[in-house]
Amino acid sequence: MKKERGGITGKFIGLLCLALALFGLYLARRPLLGFAGESWVVEDPLQKSDAIIELSIDNFYADRATRTAEIYRQGFAPLVVASGVRLRPYAGVSELMEHDLIERGVPKEKILRYPHDGENTREEGEALAKLATQKNWKSVIIVTSNYHTRRTRYVFRRVFPENISVSVAGARDGDFDPERWYEKRKSIKEFVREVVGMAVAMWELRGKEDKHQATQQMVEPRATGTPYLV
């Protein structure tokens, strides 16, 4: 009888601990979900590059074009690539991207329309890697939506040649707030799509290392003038 009571007491304590843990998670759900959203957004330090590449497909507000034009006006690169999915043999998304960029202050002659048939980030990255190699570029800045930055950096640093530096810049997205993404259905769909997309990318690119991570730059310290590694 005592053994039975002890077993019931143990189960009760276990259930009570589980209930308290679940209640704690419920109370902390907002900061935890906000942390998850913010962790999905990355931003690389920008440096002078050969080209700024805006990825397809921009949202309704043309937020990617806005960020791309901003980086161009800051003088980080002399050329902007409008990387757009081909919709017809004679037209695609790159024409719309060019229109958005011109409206935001990028001269038409400084825009290179680049139509491609990539169906996902990896295929678009592979197409752009070929373009960058053909143009003999040494560094590029990739502009995409904030929620897409982590997957973009993961993919591009594995499909681009080691000798081409890749930096990723995030554009704010009118439909995705990293801190409160869980409050809107559209944002939830974007977050879930990115998580699944990252899993697929990791599977497809398994065995490919991020060699760009190991690349070190020589920096001139202001005080001594002696180069050091960072």
C-alpha atoms as a PDB file:
ATOM      1  CA  MET A   1       0.000   0.000   0.000  1.00  0.00           C
ATOM      2  CA  LYS A   2       2.813   2.400   0.890  1.00  0.00           C
ATOM      3  CA  LYS A   3       4.591   1.548  -2.365  1.00  0.00           C
ATOM      4  CA  GLU A   4       1.430   2.367  -4.306  1.00  0.00           C
ATOM      5  CA  ARG A   5       1.062   5.721  -2.552  1.00  0.00           C
ATOM      6  CA  GLY A   6       4.688   6.511  -3.238  1.00  0.00           C
ATOM      7  CA  GLY A   7       4.193   5.745  -6.916  1.00  0.00           C
ATOM      8  CA  ILE A   8       1.139   8.004  -7.104  1.00  0.00           C
ATOM      9  CA  THR A   9       3.017  10.803  -5.330  1.00  0.00           C
ATOM     10  CA  GLY A  10       5.959  10.462  -7.731  1.00  0.00           C
ATOM     11  CA  LYS A  11       3.663  10.637 -10.760  1.00  0.00           C
ATOM     12  CA  PHE A  12       1.891  13.665  -9.317  1.00  0.00           C
ATOM     13  CA  ILE A  13       5.176  15.486  -8.744  1.00  0.00           C
ATOM     14  CA  GLY A  14       6.313  14.583 -12.265  1.00  0.00           C
ATOM     15  CA  LEU A  15       3.090  15.906 -13.804  1.00  0.00           C
ATOM     16  CA  LEU A  16       3.312  19.030 -11.658  1.00  0.00           C
ATOM     17  CA  CYS A  17       6.887  19.696 -12.856  1.00  0.00           C
ATOM     18  CA  LEU A  18       5.806  19.154 -16.473  1.00  0.00           C
ATOM     19  CA  ALA A  19       2.874  21.537 -16.024  1.00  0.00           C
ATOM     20  CA  LEU A  20       5.150  24.181 -14.484  1.00  0.00           C
ATOM     21  CA  ALA A  21       7.671  23.773 -17.320  1.00  0.00           C
ATOM     22  CA  LEU A  22       4.937  24.150 -19.959  1.00  0.00           C
ATOM     23  CA  PHE A  23       3.534  27.170 -18.125  1.00  0.00           C
ATOM     24  CA  GLY A  24       7.018  28.699 -18.048  1.00  0.00           C
ATOM     25  CA  LEU A  25       7.383  28.155 -21.795  1.00  0.00           C
ATOM     26  CA  TYR A  26       3.986  29.743 -22.327  1.00  0.00           C
ATOM     27  CA  LEU A  27       5.016  32.833 -20.380  1.00  0.00           C
ATOM     28  CA  ALA A  28       8.325  33.037 -22.262  1.00  0.00           C
ATOM     29  CA  ARG A  29       6.863  32.285 -25.683  1.00  0.00           C
ATOM     30  CA  ARG A  30       7.048  35.863 -26.985  1.00  0.00           C
ATOM     31  CA  PRO A  31      10.724  36.539 -26.181  1.00  0.00           C
ATOM     32  CA  LEU A  32      11.667  33.023 -27.339  1.00  0.00           C
ATOM     33  CA  LEU A  33       9.829  33.367 -30.661  1.00  0.00           C
ATOM     34  CA  GLY A  34      11.216  36.879 -31.083  1.00  0.00           C
ATOM     35  CA  PHE A  35      14.732  35.565 -30.478  1.00  0.00           C
ATOM     36  CA  ALA A  36      14.146  32.848 -33.087  1.00  0.00           C
ATOM     37  CA  GLY A  37      13.047  35.437 -35.650  1.00  0.00           C
ATOM     38  CA  GLU A  38      15.962  37.771 -34.957  1.00  0.00           C
ATOM     39  CA  SER A  39      18.423  34.867 -35.114  1.00  0.00           C
ATOM     40  CA  TRP A  40      17.264  34.169 -38.660  1.00  0.00           C
ATOM     41  CA  VAL A  41      18.374  37.638 -39.788  1.00  0.00           C
ATOM     42  CA  VAL A  42      22.074  38.209 -40.527  1.00  0.00           C
ATOM     43  CA  GLU A  43      23.982  41.210 -41.867  1.00  0.00           C
ATOM     44  CA  ASP A  44      27.567  41.273 -43.115  1.00  0.00           C
ATOM     45  CA  PRO A  45      29.836  44.343 -42.887  1.00  0.00           C
ATOM     46  CA  LEU A  46      29.779  45.945 -46.330  1.00  0.00           C
ATOM     47  CA  GLN A  47      32.900  46.776 -48.275  1.00  0.00           C
ATOM     48  CA  LYS A  48      33.710  48.164 -51.706  1.00  0.00           C
ATOM     49  CA  SER A  49      32.627  45.549 -54.238  1.00  0.00           C
ATOM     50  CA  ASP A  50      32.362  44.994 -57.965  1.00  0.00           C
ATOM     51  CA  ALA A  51      28.581  44.634 -57.984  1.00  0.00           C
ATOM     52  CA  ILE A  52      25.450  44.722 -55.858  1.00  0.00           C
ATOM     53  CA  ILE A  53      23.113  41.840 -56.685  1.00  0.00           C
ATOM     54  CA  GLU A  54      19.409  42.114 -55.876  1.00  0.00           C
ATOM     55  CA  LEU A  55      17.806  38.685 -55.652  1.00  0.00           C
ATOM     56  CA  SER A  56      14.458  37.688 -57.114  1.00  0.00           C
ATOM     57  CA  ILE A  57      11.579  38.017 -56.203  1.00  0.00           C
ATOM     58  CA  ASP A  58      10.944  41.341 -54.428  1.00  0.00           C
ATOM     59  CA  ASN A  59       7.793  41.943 -52.389  1.00  0.00           C
ATOM     60  CA  PHE A  60       4.865  44.255 -53.153  1.00  0.00           C
ATOM     61  CA  TYR A  61       6.614  47.231 -51.526  1.00  0.00           C
ATOM     62  CA  ALA A  62       9.881  46.701 -53.463  1.00  0.00           C
ATOM     63  CA  ASP A  63      11.820  46.656 -50.186  1.00  0.00           C
ATOM     64  CA  ARG A  64      14.769  44.814 -51.744  1.00  0.00           C
ATOM     65  CA  ALA A  65      15.044  47.467 -54.454  1.00  0.00           C
ATOM     66  CA  THR A  66      14.954  50.183 -51.799  1.00  0.00           C
ATOM     67  CA  ARG A  67      17.831  48.611 -49.867  1.00  0.00           C
ATOM     68  CA  THR A  68      19.799  47.935 -53.055  1.00  0.00           C
ATOM     69  CA  ALA A  69      19.455  51.554 -54.198  1.00  0.00           C
ATOM     70  CA  GLU A  70      20.528  52.757 -50.764  1.00  0.00           C
ATOM     71  CA  ILE A  71      23.712  50.673 -50.883  1.00  0.00           C
ATOM     72  CA  TYR A  72      24.411  51.877 -54.427  1.00  0.00           C
ATOM     73  CA  ARG A  73      24.012  55.543 -53.442  1.00  0.00           C
ATOM     74  CA  GLN A  74      26.460  54.965 -50.590  1.00  0.00           C
ATOM     75  CA  GLY A  75      29.051  54.104 -53.233  1.00  0.00           C
ATOM     76  CA  PHE A  76      29.745  50.484 -52.335  1.00  0.00           C
ATOM     77  CA  ALA A  77      29.695  49.301 -55.982  1.00  0.00           C
ATOM     78  CA  PRO A  78      29.474  50.821 -59.480  1.00  0.00           C
ATOM     79  CA  LEU A  79      26.961  48.287 -60.827  1.00  0.00           C
ATOM     80  CA  VAL A  80      23.640  46.764 -59.771  1.00  0.00           C
ATOM     81  CA  VAL A  81      22.483  43.362 -61.011  1.00  0.00           C
ATOM     82  CA  ALA A  82      18.729  42.768 -61.238  1.00  0.00           C
ATOM     83  CA  SER A  83      18.586  39.004 -60.868  1.00  0.00           C
ATOM     84  CA  GLY A  84      15.075  38.061 -61.960  1.00  0.00           C
ATOM     85  CA  VAL A  85      13.272  34.834 -62.786  1.00  0.00           C
ATOM     86  CA  ARG A  86      12.405  34.479 -66.469  1.00  0.00           C
ATOM     87  CA  LEU A  87       8.617  34.377 -66.908  1.00  0.00           C
ATOM     88  CA  ARG A  88       8.466  34.311 -70.713  1.00  0.00           C
ATOM     89  CA  PRO A  89      11.102  33.950 -73.460  1.00  0.00           C
ATOM     90  CA  TYR A  90      10.816  37.720 -73.947  1.00  0.00           C
ATOM     91  CA  ALA A  91      10.194  39.021 -70.407  1.00  0.00           C
ATOM     92  CA  GLY A  92      10.799  38.332 -66.743  1.00  0.00           C
ATOM     93  CA  VAL A  93      11.025  39.750 -63.241  1.00  0.00           C
ATOM     94  CA  SER A  94      14.301  41.573 -63.958  1.00  0.00           C
ATOM     95  CA  GLU A  95      12.454  44.198 -66.030  1.00  0.00           C
ATOM     96  CA  LEU A  96      10.226  45.018 -63.061  1.00  0.00           C
ATOM     97  CA  MET A  97      13.257  45.112 -60.773  1.00  0.00           C
ATOM     98  CA  GLU A  98      14.988  47.538 -63.138  1.00  0.00           C
ATOM     99  CA  HIS A  99      11.929  49.808 -63.033  1.00  0.00           C
ATOM    100  CA  ASP A 100      11.938  49.793 -59.206  1.00  0.00           C
ATOM    101  CA  LEU A 101      15.662  50.519 -59.048  1.00  0.00           C
ATOM    102  CA  ILE A 102      15.434  53.445 -61.472  1.00  0.00           C
ATOM    103  CA  GLU A 103      12.553  54.912 -59.434  1.00  0.00           C
ATOM    104  CA  ARG A 104      14.830  54.778 -56.395  1.00  0.00           C
ATOM    105  CA  GLY A 105      17.716  56.616 -57.983  1.00  0.00           C
ATOM    106  CA  VAL A 106      19.879  53.994 -59.697  1.00  0.00           C
ATOM    107  CA  PRO A 107      20.801  55.122 -63.234  1.00  0.00           C
ATOM    108  CA  LYS A 108      19.564  52.750 -65.943  1.00  0.00           C
ATOM    109  CA  GLU A 109      23.050  52.425 -67.434  1.00  0.00           C
ATOM    110  CA  LYS A 110      24.296  51.158 -64.066  1.00  0.00           C
ATOM    111  CA  ILE A 111      21.795  48.283 -63.987  1.00  0.00           C
ATOM    112  CA  LEU A 112      22.512  44.871 -65.464  1.00  0.00           C
ATOM    113  CA  ARG A 113      19.360  42.833 -66.012  1.00  0.00           C
ATOM    114  CA  TYR A 114      20.079  39.171 -65.473  1.00  0.00           C
ATOM    115  CA  PRO A 115      17.178  36.834 -66.312  1.00  0.00           C
ATOM    116  CA  HIS A 116      17.565  33.230 -65.176  1.00  0.00           C
ATOM    117  CA  ASP A 117      15.541  30.051 -64.735  1.00  0.00           C
ATOM    118  CA  GLY A 118      16.490  29.307 -61.132  1.00  0.00           C
ATOM    119  CA  GLU A 119      13.620  27.794 -59.162  1.00  0.00           C
ATOM    120  CA  ASN A 120      15.214  28.251 -55.743  1.00  0.00           C
ATOM    121  CA  THR A 121      18.007  30.091 -53.954  1.00  0.00           C
ATOM    122  CA  ARG A 122      20.605  27.447 -54.769  1.00  0.00           C
ATOM    123  CA  GLU A 123      19.868  27.493 -58.498  1.00  0.00           C
ATOM    124  CA  GLU A 124      19.839  31.291 -58.557  1.00  0.00           C
ATOM    125  CA  GLY A 125      23.152  31.312 -56.684  1.00  0.00           C
ATOM    126  CA  GLU A 126      24.731  28.886 -59.139  1.00  0.00           C
ATOM    127  CA  ALA A 127      23.590  31.028 -62.088  1.00  0.00           C
ATOM    128  CA  LEU A 128      24.973  34.180 -60.474  1.00  0.00           C
ATOM    129  CA  ALA A 129      28.244  32.432 -59.638  1.00  0.00           C
ATOM    130  CA  LYS A 130      28.712  31.787 -63.358  1.00  0.00           C
ATOM    131  CA  LEU A 131      27.998  35.449 -64.128  1.00  0.00           C
ATOM    132  CA  ALA A 132      30.451  36.671 -61.478  1.00  0.00           C
ATOM    133  CA  THR A 133      33.138  34.336 -62.821  1.00  0.00           C
ATOM    134  CA  GLN A 134      32.568  35.489 -66.412  1.00  0.00           C
ATOM    135  CA  LYS A 135      32.794  39.130 -65.325  1.00  0.00           C
ATOM    136  CA  ASN A 136      35.932  38.392 -63.295  1.00  0.00           C
ATOM    137  CA  TRP A 137      34.419  39.983 -60.195  1.00  0.00           C
ATOM    138  CA  LYS A 138      36.305  39.674 -56.938  1.00  0.00           C
ATOM    139  CA  SER A 139      33.566  40.720 -54.534  1.00  0.00           C
ATOM    140  CA  VAL A 140      29.783  41.081 -54.562  1.00  0.00           C
ATOM    141  CA  ILE A 141      27.058  42.283 -52.192  1.00  0.00           C
ATOM    142  CA  ILE A 142      23.897  40.179 -52.187  1.00  0.00           C
ATOM    143  CA  VAL A 143      20.672  41.975 -51.221  1.00  0.00           C
ATOM    144  CA  THR A 144      17.638  39.989 -50.127  1.00  0.00           C
ATOM    145  CA  SER A 145      14.780  40.180 -47.614  1.00  0.00           C
ATOM    146  CA  ASN A 146      15.735  40.134 -43.930  1.00  0.00           C
ATOM    147  CA  TYR A 147      14.135  36.732 -43.249  1.00  0.00           C
ATOM    148  CA  HIS A 148      16.002  35.236 -46.224  1.00  0.00           C
ATOM    149  CA  THR A 149      19.500  36.430 -45.304  1.00  0.00           C
ATOM    150  CA  ARG A 150      20.700  33.431 -43.303  1.00  0.00           C
ATOM    151  CA  ARG A 151      19.786  30.900 -45.985  1.00  0.00           C
ATOM    152  CA  THR A 152      21.166  33.169 -48.711  1.00  0.00           C
ATOM    153  CA  ARG A 153      24.540  33.475 -46.990  1.00  0.00           C
ATOM    154  CA  TYR A 154      24.668  29.733 -46.350  1.00  0.00           C
ATOM    155  CA  VAL A 155      23.945  28.912 -50.007  1.00  0.00           C
ATOM    156  CA  PHE A 156      25.969  31.609 -51.770  1.00  0.00           C
ATOM    157  CA  ARG A 157      29.123  31.004 -49.770  1.00  0.00           C
ATOM    158  CA  ARG A 158      29.017  27.397 -50.902  1.00  0.00           C
ATOM    159  CA  VAL A 159      28.175  27.841 -54.575  1.00  0.00           C
ATOM    160  CA  PHE A 160      30.374  30.899 -55.241  1.00  0.00           C
ATOM    161  CA  PRO A 161      34.084  30.340 -55.947  1.00  0.00           C
ATOM    162  CA  GLU A 162      36.399  30.892 -52.996  1.00  0.00           C
ATOM    163  CA  ASN A 163      38.142  33.798 -54.756  1.00  0.00           C
ATOM    164  CA  ILE A 164      34.923  35.865 -54.935  1.00  0.00           C
ATOM    165  CA  SER A 165      34.029  37.555 -51.654  1.00  0.00           C
ATOM    166  CA  VAL A 166      30.319  37.375 -50.768  1.00  0.00           C
ATOM    167  CA  SER A 167      28.589  39.793 -48.385  1.00  0.00           C
ATOM    168  CA  VAL A 168      24.877  39.650 -47.572  1.00  0.00           C
ATOM    169  CA  ALA A 169      22.728  42.697 -46.829  1.00  0.00           C
ATOM    170  CA  GLY A 170      19.177  42.417 -45.531  1.00  0.00           C
ATOM    171  CA  ALA A 171      16.263  44.567 -46.629  1.00  0.00           C
ATOM    172  CA  ARG A 172      13.524  45.272 -44.114  1.00  0.00           C
ATOM    173  CA  ASP A 173      10.326  43.540 -45.144  1.00  0.00           C
ATOM    174  CA  GLY A 174       6.924  45.147 -44.745  1.00  0.00           C
ATOM    175  CA  ASP A 175       5.384  41.759 -44.009  1.00  0.00           C
ATOM    176  CA  PHE A 176       8.033  40.348 -41.675  1.00  0.00           C
ATOM    177  CA  ASP A 177       8.977  41.863 -38.345  1.00  0.00           C
ATOM    178  CA  PRO A 178      11.699  39.639 -36.789  1.00  0.00           C
ATOM    179  CA  GLU A 179      10.540  40.502 -33.272  1.00  0.00           C
ATOM    180  CA  ARG A 180       6.819  39.883 -33.837  1.00  0.00           C
ATOM    181  CA  TRP A 181       6.677  37.566 -36.846  1.00  0.00           C
ATOM    182  CA  TYR A 182       4.489  35.048 -34.997  1.00  0.00           C
ATOM    183  CA  GLU A 183       1.581  37.517 -34.866  1.00  0.00           C
ATOM    184  CA  LYS A 184       0.871  37.527 -38.608  1.00  0.00           C
ATOM    185  CA  ARG A 185      -0.107  34.528 -40.700  1.00  0.00           C
ATOM    186  CA  LYS A 186       1.969  35.690 -43.677  1.00  0.00           C
ATOM    187  CA  SER A 187       5.057  36.105 -41.518  1.00  0.00           C
ATOM    188  CA  ILE A 188       4.575  32.659 -40.000  1.00  0.00           C
ATOM    189  CA  LYS A 189       4.410  31.158 -43.491  1.00  0.00           C
ATOM    190  CA  GLU A 190       7.614  32.963 -44.485  1.00  0.00           C
ATOM    191  CA  PHE A 191       9.418  31.779 -41.346  1.00  0.00           C
ATOM    192  CA  VAL A 192       8.345  28.158 -41.801  1.00  0.00           C
ATOM    193  CA  ARG A 193       9.257  28.298 -45.497  1.00  0.00           C
ATOM    194  CA  GLU A 194      12.727  29.551 -44.615  1.00  0.00           C
ATOM    195  CA  VAL A 195      13.293  26.833 -42.016  1.00  0.00           C
ATOM    196  CA  VAL A 196      12.244  24.146 -44.494  1.00  0.00           C
ATOM    197  CA  GLY A 197      14.261  25.811 -47.269  1.00  0.00           C
ATOM    198  CA  MET A 198      17.357  25.854 -45.077  1.00  0.00           C
ATOM    199  CA  ALA A 199      16.954  22.158 -44.305  1.00  0.00           C
ATOM    200  CA  VAL A 200      16.677  21.399 -48.026  1.00  0.00           C
ATOM    201  CA  ALA A 201      19.698  23.585 -48.828  1.00  0.00           C
ATOM    202  CA  MET A 202      21.796  21.864 -46.176  1.00  0.00           C
ATOM    203  CA  TRP A 203      20.867  18.494 -47.645  1.00  0.00           C
ATOM    204  CA  GLU A 204      21.537  19.525 -51.251  1.00  0.00           C
ATOM    205  CA  LEU A 205      24.842  21.204 -50.383  1.00  0.00           C
ATOM    206  CA  ARG A 206      26.057  18.560 -47.940  1.00  0.00           C
ATOM    207  CA  GLY A 207      29.769  18.059 -48.281  1.00  0.00           C
ATOM    208  CA  LYS A 208      30.347  21.614 -49.545  1.00  0.00           C
ATOM    209  CA  GLU A 209      32.227  23.788 -47.087  1.00  0.00           C
ATOM    210  CA  ASP A 210      32.014  27.514 -46.550  1.00  0.00           C
ATOM    211  CA  LYS A 211      35.539  28.375 -47.654  1.00  0.00           C
ATOM    212  CA  HIS A 212      34.785  32.099 -47.500  1.00  0.00           C
ATOM    213  CA  GLN A 213      34.663  31.875 -43.710  1.00  0.00           C
ATOM    214  CA  ALA A 214      38.323  30.946 -43.573  1.00  0.00           C
ATOM    215  CA  THR A 215      39.346  33.841 -45.807  1.00  0.00           C
ATOM    216  CA  GLN A 216      41.114  36.514 -43.798  1.00  0.00           C
ATOM    217  CA  GLN A 217      41.580  40.133 -44.771  1.00  0.00           C
ATOM    218  CA  MET A 218      44.536  42.361 -44.148  1.00  0.00           C
ATOM    219  CA  VAL A 219      43.507  45.499 -42.241  1.00  0.00           C
ATOM    220  CA  GLU A 220      45.552  48.631 -41.703  1.00  0.00           C
ATOM    221  CA  PRO A 221      45.439  49.674 -38.042  1.00  0.00           C
ATOM    222  CA  ARG A 222      45.209  53.468 -37.702  1.00  0.00           C
ATOM    223  CA  ALA A 223      47.789  53.724 -34.939  1.00  0.00           C
ATOM    224  CA  THR A 224      50.725  51.594 -36.048  1.00  0.00           C
ATOM    225  CA  GLY A 225      50.222  51.151 -39.772  1.00  0.00           C
ATOM    226  CA  THR A 226      51.136  47.493 -39.354  1.00  0.00           C
ATOM    227  CA  PRO A 227      48.810  45.029 -41.112  1.00  0.00           C
ATOM    228  CA  TYR A 228      47.117  42.412 -38.968  1.00  0.00           C
ATOM    229  CA  LEU A 229      44.682  39.581 -39.554  1.00  0.00           C
ATOM    230  CA  VAL A 230      40.981  39.680 -38.700  1.00  0.00           C
END
